[in-house]
């Protein structure tokens, strides 16, 4: 497949941007940079249209620089390997146990009085901070 000229790549993504680039008389380097952004967006759109496992495989096959550019521009979900059903289930259970364990510990501390009510200390500190001194 023949590589398109940078201005054509921009026009395919946004004819208005291509027109503005021509009217502004942008240097070739800047036009190439804009075209690279449109190519990156096109690649991102193609990968997001695929199932995650196929997108991950294609993403991993890309050059390191392209993967880094995609990750910095879009923080894509296809950069993570799709876990099977049991992997997702284990992650959900782990997350629930962690959350549940944390809330149970916090509740136990409050019931046992380990964590004191911070409100009196805050009121005292606020009073001290706003107290006026006589001159």
N, C-alpha and C. Protein backbone atom coordinates (compact mmCIF):
# COMPACT_ATOMS: atom_id res chain seq x y z
N UNK A 1 0.85 -1.18 0.00
CA UNK A 1 0.00 0.00 0.00
C UNK A 1 0.89 1.25 0.00
N UNK A 2 0.54 2.19 -0.82
CA UNK A 2 1.32 3.41 -0.96
C UNK A 2 1.09 4.33 0.24
N UNK A 3 2.19 4.89 0.74
CA UNK A 3 2.10 5.80 1.88
C UNK A 3 1.55 7.13 1.39
N UNK A 4 0.55 7.62 2.11
CA UNK A 4 -0.08 8.89 1.75
C UNK A 4 0.79 10.07 2.17
N UNK A 5 0.63 11.15 1.47
CA UNK A 5 1.33 12.38 1.84
C UNK A 5 0.71 12.90 3.13
N UNK A 6 1.50 13.58 3.96
CA UNK A 6 0.99 14.06 5.25
C UNK A 6 -0.29 14.88 5.15
N UNK A 7 -0.40 15.73 4.17
CA UNK A 7 -1.59 16.56 4.03
C UNK A 7 -2.82 15.70 3.70
N UNK A 8 -2.63 14.62 2.95
CA UNK A 8 -3.74 13.71 2.64
C UNK A 8 -4.19 12.96 3.90
N UNK A 9 -3.23 12.59 4.73
CA UNK A 9 -3.56 11.91 5.99
C UNK A 9 -4.41 12.83 6.86
N UNK A 10 -4.00 14.09 6.93
CA UNK A 10 -4.76 15.07 7.73
C UNK A 10 -6.15 15.26 7.14
N UNK A 11 -6.24 15.38 5.82
CA UNK A 11 -7.53 15.60 5.16
C UNK A 11 -8.49 14.44 5.40
N UNK A 12 -7.94 13.22 5.46
CA UNK A 12 -8.81 12.06 5.73
C UNK A 12 -9.37 12.13 7.15
N UNK A 13 -8.58 12.65 8.08
CA UNK A 13 -9.03 12.77 9.46
C UNK A 13 -9.91 13.97 9.69
N UNK A 14 -9.54 15.08 9.07
CA UNK A 14 -10.30 16.32 9.24
C UNK A 14 -9.98 17.27 8.10
N UNK A 15 -10.88 17.37 7.14
CA UNK A 15 -10.64 18.29 6.02
C UNK A 15 -10.43 19.74 6.47
N UNK A 16 -11.09 20.13 7.54
CA UNK A 16 -10.95 21.49 8.04
C UNK A 16 -9.55 21.77 8.55
N UNK A 17 -8.96 20.80 9.23
CA UNK A 17 -7.59 20.97 9.74
C UNK A 17 -6.62 21.02 8.57
N UNK A 18 -6.84 20.20 7.56
CA UNK A 18 -5.97 20.22 6.38
C UNK A 18 -6.04 21.57 5.68
N UNK A 19 -7.24 22.10 5.54
CA UNK A 19 -7.43 23.41 4.91
C UNK A 19 -6.73 24.49 5.73
N UNK A 20 -6.88 24.44 7.04
CA UNK A 20 -6.24 25.43 7.91
C UNK A 20 -4.72 25.34 7.82
N UNK A 21 -4.19 24.12 7.71
CA UNK A 21 -2.74 23.95 7.61
C UNK A 21 -2.21 24.57 6.32
N UNK A 22 -2.95 24.38 5.23
CA UNK A 22 -2.54 24.95 3.95
C UNK A 22 -2.64 26.47 4.00
N UNK A 23 -3.75 26.97 4.52
CA UNK A 23 -3.95 28.43 4.56
C UNK A 23 -2.94 29.11 5.48
N UNK A 24 -2.53 28.41 6.54
CA UNK A 24 -1.55 28.99 7.47
C UNK A 24 -0.14 28.90 6.91
N UNK A 25 0.05 28.10 5.87
CA UNK A 25 1.38 27.93 5.29
C UNK A 25 2.35 27.26 6.25
N UNK A 26 1.87 26.25 6.95
CA UNK A 26 2.72 25.56 7.93
C UNK A 26 3.91 24.89 7.25
N UNK A 27 5.05 24.88 7.91
CA UNK A 27 6.22 24.18 7.37
C UNK A 27 5.94 22.67 7.27
N UNK A 28 6.69 22.01 6.40
CA UNK A 28 6.48 20.57 6.19
C UNK A 28 6.61 19.77 7.47
N UNK A 29 7.53 20.17 8.35
CA UNK A 29 7.73 19.44 9.60
C UNK A 29 6.48 19.48 10.48
N UNK A 30 5.86 20.65 10.57
CA UNK A 30 4.65 20.77 11.39
C UNK A 30 3.49 20.00 10.78
N UNK A 31 3.38 20.03 9.45
CA UNK A 31 2.34 19.26 8.77
C UNK A 31 2.56 17.77 9.03
N UNK A 32 3.80 17.33 9.01
CA UNK A 32 4.11 15.93 9.28
C UNK A 32 3.76 15.55 10.72
N UNK A 33 3.99 16.46 11.66
CA UNK A 33 3.64 16.19 13.05
C UNK A 33 2.12 16.05 13.23
N UNK A 34 1.38 16.92 12.57
CA UNK A 34 -0.08 16.84 12.64
C UNK A 34 -0.55 15.54 12.00
N UNK A 35 0.05 15.17 10.88
CA UNK A 35 -0.32 13.92 10.20
C UNK A 35 -0.03 12.72 11.10
N UNK A 36 1.07 12.77 11.83
CA UNK A 36 1.41 11.67 12.74
C UNK A 36 0.35 11.54 13.83
N UNK A 37 -0.16 12.64 14.32
CA UNK A 37 -1.24 12.58 15.31
C UNK A 37 -2.50 11.95 14.75
N UNK A 38 -2.83 12.30 13.49
CA UNK A 38 -4.00 11.70 12.87
C UNK A 38 -3.79 10.20 12.61
N UNK A 39 -2.57 9.81 12.23
CA UNK A 39 -2.28 8.38 12.05
C UNK A 39 -2.42 7.64 13.37
N UNK A 40 -1.96 8.24 14.43
CA UNK A 40 -2.07 7.64 15.75
C UNK A 40 -3.54 7.48 16.16
N UNK A 41 -4.33 8.51 15.89
CA UNK A 41 -5.76 8.44 16.21
C UNK A 41 -6.44 7.36 15.39
N UNK A 42 -6.09 7.25 14.12
CA UNK A 42 -6.67 6.21 13.26
C UNK A 42 -6.32 4.82 13.78
N UNK A 43 -5.06 4.63 14.16
CA UNK A 43 -4.63 3.35 14.71
C UNK A 43 -5.37 3.04 16.01
N UNK A 44 -5.52 4.03 16.86
CA UNK A 44 -6.26 3.86 18.12
C UNK A 44 -7.70 3.42 17.83
N UNK A 45 -8.34 4.08 16.88
CA UNK A 45 -9.72 3.73 16.53
C UNK A 45 -9.82 2.31 16.00
N UNK A 46 -8.84 1.88 15.20
CA UNK A 46 -8.85 0.51 14.67
C UNK A 46 -8.69 -0.50 15.80
N UNK A 47 -7.79 -0.21 16.74
CA UNK A 47 -7.56 -1.14 17.85
C UNK A 47 -8.77 -1.21 18.79
N UNK A 48 -9.41 -0.09 19.03
CA UNK A 48 -10.56 -0.11 19.93
C UNK A 48 -11.77 -0.79 19.30
N UNK A 49 -11.78 -0.91 17.97
CA UNK A 49 -12.88 -1.59 17.31
C UNK A 49 -12.74 -3.12 17.38
N UNK A 50 -11.55 -3.60 17.71
CA UNK A 50 -11.30 -5.04 17.79
C UNK A 50 -11.66 -5.58 19.17
N UNK A 51 -11.90 -6.90 19.26
CA UNK A 51 -12.03 -7.50 20.59
C UNK A 51 -10.71 -7.31 21.35
N UNK A 52 -10.80 -7.22 22.68
CA UNK A 52 -9.62 -6.84 23.47
C UNK A 52 -8.45 -7.79 23.28
N UNK A 53 -8.69 -9.09 23.18
CA UNK A 53 -7.57 -10.02 23.03
C UNK A 53 -6.84 -9.82 21.71
N UNK A 54 -7.59 -9.57 20.62
CA UNK A 54 -6.96 -9.32 19.32
C UNK A 54 -6.26 -7.95 19.31
N UNK A 55 -6.89 -6.98 19.92
CA UNK A 55 -6.29 -5.65 19.98
C UNK A 55 -4.99 -5.69 20.78
N UNK A 56 -4.98 -6.46 21.87
CA UNK A 56 -3.77 -6.59 22.69
C UNK A 56 -2.65 -7.22 21.87
N UNK A 57 -2.95 -8.26 21.12
CA UNK A 57 -1.96 -8.94 20.29
C UNK A 57 -1.38 -7.97 19.25
N UNK A 58 -2.24 -7.22 18.58
CA UNK A 58 -1.77 -6.27 17.57
C UNK A 58 -0.99 -5.13 18.22
N UNK A 59 -1.44 -4.69 19.40
CA UNK A 59 -0.75 -3.63 20.12
C UNK A 59 0.66 -4.06 20.50
N UNK A 60 0.81 -5.29 20.98
CA UNK A 60 2.11 -5.81 21.37
C UNK A 60 3.05 -5.96 20.17
N UNK A 61 2.49 -6.12 18.96
CA UNK A 61 3.30 -6.29 17.76
C UNK A 61 3.80 -4.93 17.21
N UNK A 62 3.26 -3.84 17.72
CA UNK A 62 3.67 -2.51 17.25
C UNK A 62 5.06 -2.16 17.78
N UNK A 63 5.76 -1.26 17.08
CA UNK A 63 7.05 -0.80 17.59
C UNK A 63 6.88 -0.13 18.97
N UNK A 64 7.92 -0.20 19.76
CA UNK A 64 7.87 0.32 21.13
C UNK A 64 7.48 1.80 21.15
N UNK A 65 7.99 2.59 20.22
CA UNK A 65 7.68 4.02 20.19
C UNK A 65 6.19 4.25 19.92
N UNK A 66 5.61 3.45 19.03
CA UNK A 66 4.19 3.60 18.71
C UNK A 66 3.34 3.23 19.92
N UNK A 67 3.72 2.14 20.61
CA UNK A 67 2.98 1.74 21.82
C UNK A 67 3.06 2.84 22.88
N UNK A 68 4.23 3.43 23.04
CA UNK A 68 4.40 4.50 24.03
C UNK A 68 3.56 5.72 23.66
N UNK A 69 3.52 6.05 22.38
CA UNK A 69 2.72 7.19 21.93
C UNK A 69 1.23 6.94 22.15
N UNK A 70 0.77 5.73 21.83
CA UNK A 70 -0.64 5.39 22.07
C UNK A 70 -0.98 5.45 23.55
N UNK A 71 -0.10 4.90 24.37
CA UNK A 71 -0.34 4.87 25.81
C UNK A 71 -0.36 6.28 26.40
N UNK A 72 0.51 7.16 25.92
CA UNK A 72 0.55 8.52 26.47
C UNK A 72 -0.61 9.37 25.97
N UNK A 73 -1.07 9.13 24.76
CA UNK A 73 -2.16 9.93 24.21
C UNK A 73 -3.54 9.46 24.68
N UNK A 74 -3.72 8.14 24.74
CA UNK A 74 -5.06 7.61 24.96
C UNK A 74 -5.22 6.76 26.22
N UNK A 75 -4.14 6.38 26.89
CA UNK A 75 -4.13 5.40 27.98
C UNK A 75 -5.13 4.27 27.68
N UNK A 76 -4.82 3.50 26.65
CA UNK A 76 -5.76 2.52 26.10
C UNK A 76 -5.94 1.28 26.95
N UNK A 77 -7.15 0.74 26.90
CA UNK A 77 -7.46 -0.49 27.61
C UNK A 77 -6.86 -1.69 26.87
N UNK A 78 -6.67 -1.57 25.56
CA UNK A 78 -6.12 -2.69 24.79
C UNK A 78 -4.66 -2.95 25.11
N UNK A 79 -4.03 -2.08 25.89
CA UNK A 79 -2.64 -2.31 26.27
C UNK A 79 -2.53 -3.34 27.39
N UNK A 80 -3.67 -3.69 27.98
CA UNK A 80 -3.68 -4.70 29.03
C UNK A 80 -4.18 -6.01 28.44
N UNK A 81 -3.54 -7.08 28.85
CA UNK A 81 -3.96 -8.38 28.35
C UNK A 81 -5.31 -8.74 28.96
N UNK A 82 -6.21 -9.22 28.12
CA UNK A 82 -7.53 -9.61 28.59
C UNK A 82 -7.41 -10.86 29.45
N UNK A 83 -8.01 -10.80 30.61
CA UNK A 83 -7.97 -11.96 31.51
C UNK A 83 -9.18 -12.84 31.21
N UNK A 84 -9.03 -14.11 31.44
CA UNK A 84 -10.15 -15.00 31.22
C UNK A 84 -11.18 -14.80 32.34
N UNK A 85 -12.25 -15.54 32.28
CA UNK A 85 -13.34 -15.40 33.25
C UNK A 85 -12.85 -15.58 34.68
N UNK A 86 -12.02 -16.61 34.92
CA UNK A 86 -11.57 -16.89 36.28
C UNK A 86 -10.61 -15.82 36.79
N UNK A 87 -9.80 -15.26 35.90
CA UNK A 87 -8.91 -14.17 36.29
C UNK A 87 -9.69 -12.94 36.73
N UNK A 88 -10.76 -12.62 35.98
CA UNK A 88 -11.61 -11.49 36.35
C UNK A 88 -12.34 -11.77 37.65
N UNK A 89 -12.79 -13.00 37.82
CA UNK A 89 -13.50 -13.38 39.05
C UNK A 89 -12.58 -13.25 40.26
N UNK A 90 -11.34 -13.73 40.13
CA UNK A 90 -10.39 -13.64 41.24
C UNK A 90 -10.07 -12.18 41.58
N UNK A 91 -9.92 -11.33 40.56
CA UNK A 91 -9.68 -9.91 40.81
C UNK A 91 -10.84 -9.28 41.56
N UNK A 92 -12.07 -9.65 41.17
CA UNK A 92 -13.25 -9.10 41.83
C UNK A 92 -13.31 -9.54 43.29
N UNK A 93 -13.03 -10.83 43.53
CA UNK A 93 -13.05 -11.34 44.90
C UNK A 93 -11.96 -10.66 45.73
N UNK A 94 -10.76 -10.54 45.16
CA UNK A 94 -9.66 -9.90 45.87
C UNK A 94 -10.02 -8.46 46.22
N UNK A 95 -10.62 -7.74 45.30
CA UNK A 95 -11.01 -6.36 45.53
C UNK A 95 -12.09 -6.28 46.62
N UNK A 96 -13.07 -7.19 46.58
CA UNK A 96 -14.14 -7.18 47.57
C UNK A 96 -13.60 -7.52 48.96
N UNK A 97 -12.70 -8.48 49.03
CA UNK A 97 -12.12 -8.85 50.32
C UNK A 97 -11.30 -7.69 50.88
N UNK A 98 -10.53 -7.05 50.03
CA UNK A 98 -9.72 -5.92 50.48
C UNK A 98 -10.62 -4.79 50.99
N UNK A 99 -11.66 -4.46 50.22
CA UNK A 99 -12.58 -3.40 50.63
C UNK A 99 -13.32 -3.80 51.89
N UNK A 100 -13.85 -5.02 51.90
CA UNK A 100 -14.60 -5.50 53.07
C UNK A 100 -13.74 -5.56 54.30
N UNK A 101 -12.53 -6.04 54.15
CA UNK A 101 -11.61 -6.13 55.29
C UNK A 101 -11.29 -4.77 55.85
N UNK A 102 -11.08 -3.80 54.97
CA UNK A 102 -10.77 -2.45 55.42
C UNK A 102 -11.93 -1.81 56.17
N UNK A 103 -13.15 -2.01 55.67
CA UNK A 103 -14.29 -1.40 56.35
C UNK A 103 -14.58 -2.09 57.67
N UNK A 104 -14.36 -3.41 57.74
CA UNK A 104 -14.57 -4.13 59.00
C UNK A 104 -13.56 -3.65 60.04
N UNK A 105 -12.32 -3.47 59.64
CA UNK A 105 -11.29 -3.00 60.57
C UNK A 105 -11.61 -1.59 61.05
N UNK A 106 -12.03 -0.71 60.14
CA UNK A 106 -12.39 0.65 60.53
C UNK A 106 -13.56 0.66 61.50
N UNK A 107 -14.56 -0.16 61.23
CA UNK A 107 -15.72 -0.23 62.12
C UNK A 107 -15.31 -0.75 63.49
N UNK A 108 -14.47 -1.78 63.51
CA UNK A 108 -14.01 -2.34 64.79
C UNK A 108 -13.24 -1.30 65.58
N UNK A 109 -12.41 -0.51 64.94
CA UNK A 109 -11.66 0.54 65.63
C UNK A 109 -12.60 1.56 66.24
N UNK A 110 -13.64 1.93 65.48
CA UNK A 110 -14.58 2.92 66.00
C UNK A 110 -15.37 2.35 67.18
N UNK A 111 -15.79 1.08 67.08
CA UNK A 111 -16.54 0.45 68.16
C UNK A 111 -15.68 0.33 69.41
N UNK A 112 -14.44 -0.04 69.22
CA UNK A 112 -13.54 -0.22 70.36
C UNK A 112 -12.99 1.11 70.88
N UNK A 113 -13.25 2.19 70.18
CA UNK A 113 -12.79 3.49 70.63
C UNK A 113 -11.32 3.75 70.35
N UNK A 114 -10.73 2.96 69.45
CA UNK A 114 -9.32 3.16 69.12
C UNK A 114 -9.16 4.45 68.34
N UNK A 115 -10.08 4.70 67.41
CA UNK A 115 -10.04 5.94 66.66
C UNK A 115 -10.96 6.91 67.37
N UNK A 116 -10.39 7.94 67.95
CA UNK A 116 -11.19 8.90 68.68
C UNK A 116 -11.84 9.86 67.70
N UNK A 117 -12.89 10.44 68.15
CA UNK A 117 -13.58 11.42 67.34
C UNK A 117 -12.67 12.64 67.18
N UNK A 118 -12.28 13.00 65.98
CA UNK A 118 -11.35 14.12 65.79
C UNK A 118 -12.02 15.48 65.90
N UNK A 119 -13.36 15.54 65.98
CA UNK A 119 -14.05 16.81 65.97
C UNK A 119 -13.65 17.73 67.13
N UNK A 120 -13.58 17.28 68.39
CA UNK A 120 -13.18 18.19 69.47
C UNK A 120 -11.79 18.80 69.24
N UNK A 121 -10.86 17.99 68.75
CA UNK A 121 -9.52 18.51 68.50
C UNK A 121 -9.53 19.55 67.39
N UNK A 122 -10.35 19.32 66.35
CA UNK A 122 -10.46 20.28 65.26
C UNK A 122 -11.07 21.60 65.73
N UNK A 123 -12.11 21.51 66.58
CA UNK A 123 -12.75 22.71 67.10
C UNK A 123 -11.75 23.50 67.94
N UNK A 124 -11.00 22.79 68.78
CA UNK A 124 -10.02 23.44 69.64
C UNK A 124 -8.94 24.14 68.79
N UNK A 125 -8.46 23.45 67.75
CA UNK A 125 -7.44 24.03 66.88
C UNK A 125 -7.97 25.23 66.12
N UNK A 126 -9.21 25.14 65.66
CA UNK A 126 -9.80 26.25 64.94
C UNK A 126 -9.97 27.46 65.86
N UNK A 127 -10.37 27.20 67.10
CA UNK A 127 -10.52 28.29 68.07
C UNK A 127 -9.20 28.97 68.35
N UNK A 128 -8.15 28.17 68.49
CA UNK A 128 -6.83 28.72 68.75
C UNK A 128 -6.32 29.53 67.56
N UNK A 129 -6.65 29.08 66.37
CA UNK A 129 -6.16 29.76 65.15
C UNK A 129 -6.89 31.08 64.93
N UNK A 130 -8.13 31.15 65.37
CA UNK A 130 -8.91 32.37 65.11
C UNK A 130 -8.99 33.28 66.32
N UNK A 131 -8.38 32.89 67.42
CA UNK A 131 -8.43 33.71 68.62
C UNK A 131 -7.72 35.04 68.37
N UNK A 132 -8.32 36.07 68.90
CA UNK A 132 -7.70 37.40 68.73
C UNK A 132 -6.89 37.72 69.96
N UNK A 133 -5.84 38.38 69.73
CA UNK A 133 -4.99 38.81 70.85
C UNK A 133 -5.20 40.29 71.07
N UNK A 134 -5.10 40.72 72.30
CA UNK A 134 -5.28 42.15 72.59
C UNK A 134 -3.93 42.85 72.49
N UNK A 135 -3.98 44.03 71.97
CA UNK A 135 -2.74 44.79 71.80
C UNK A 135 -2.58 45.79 72.90
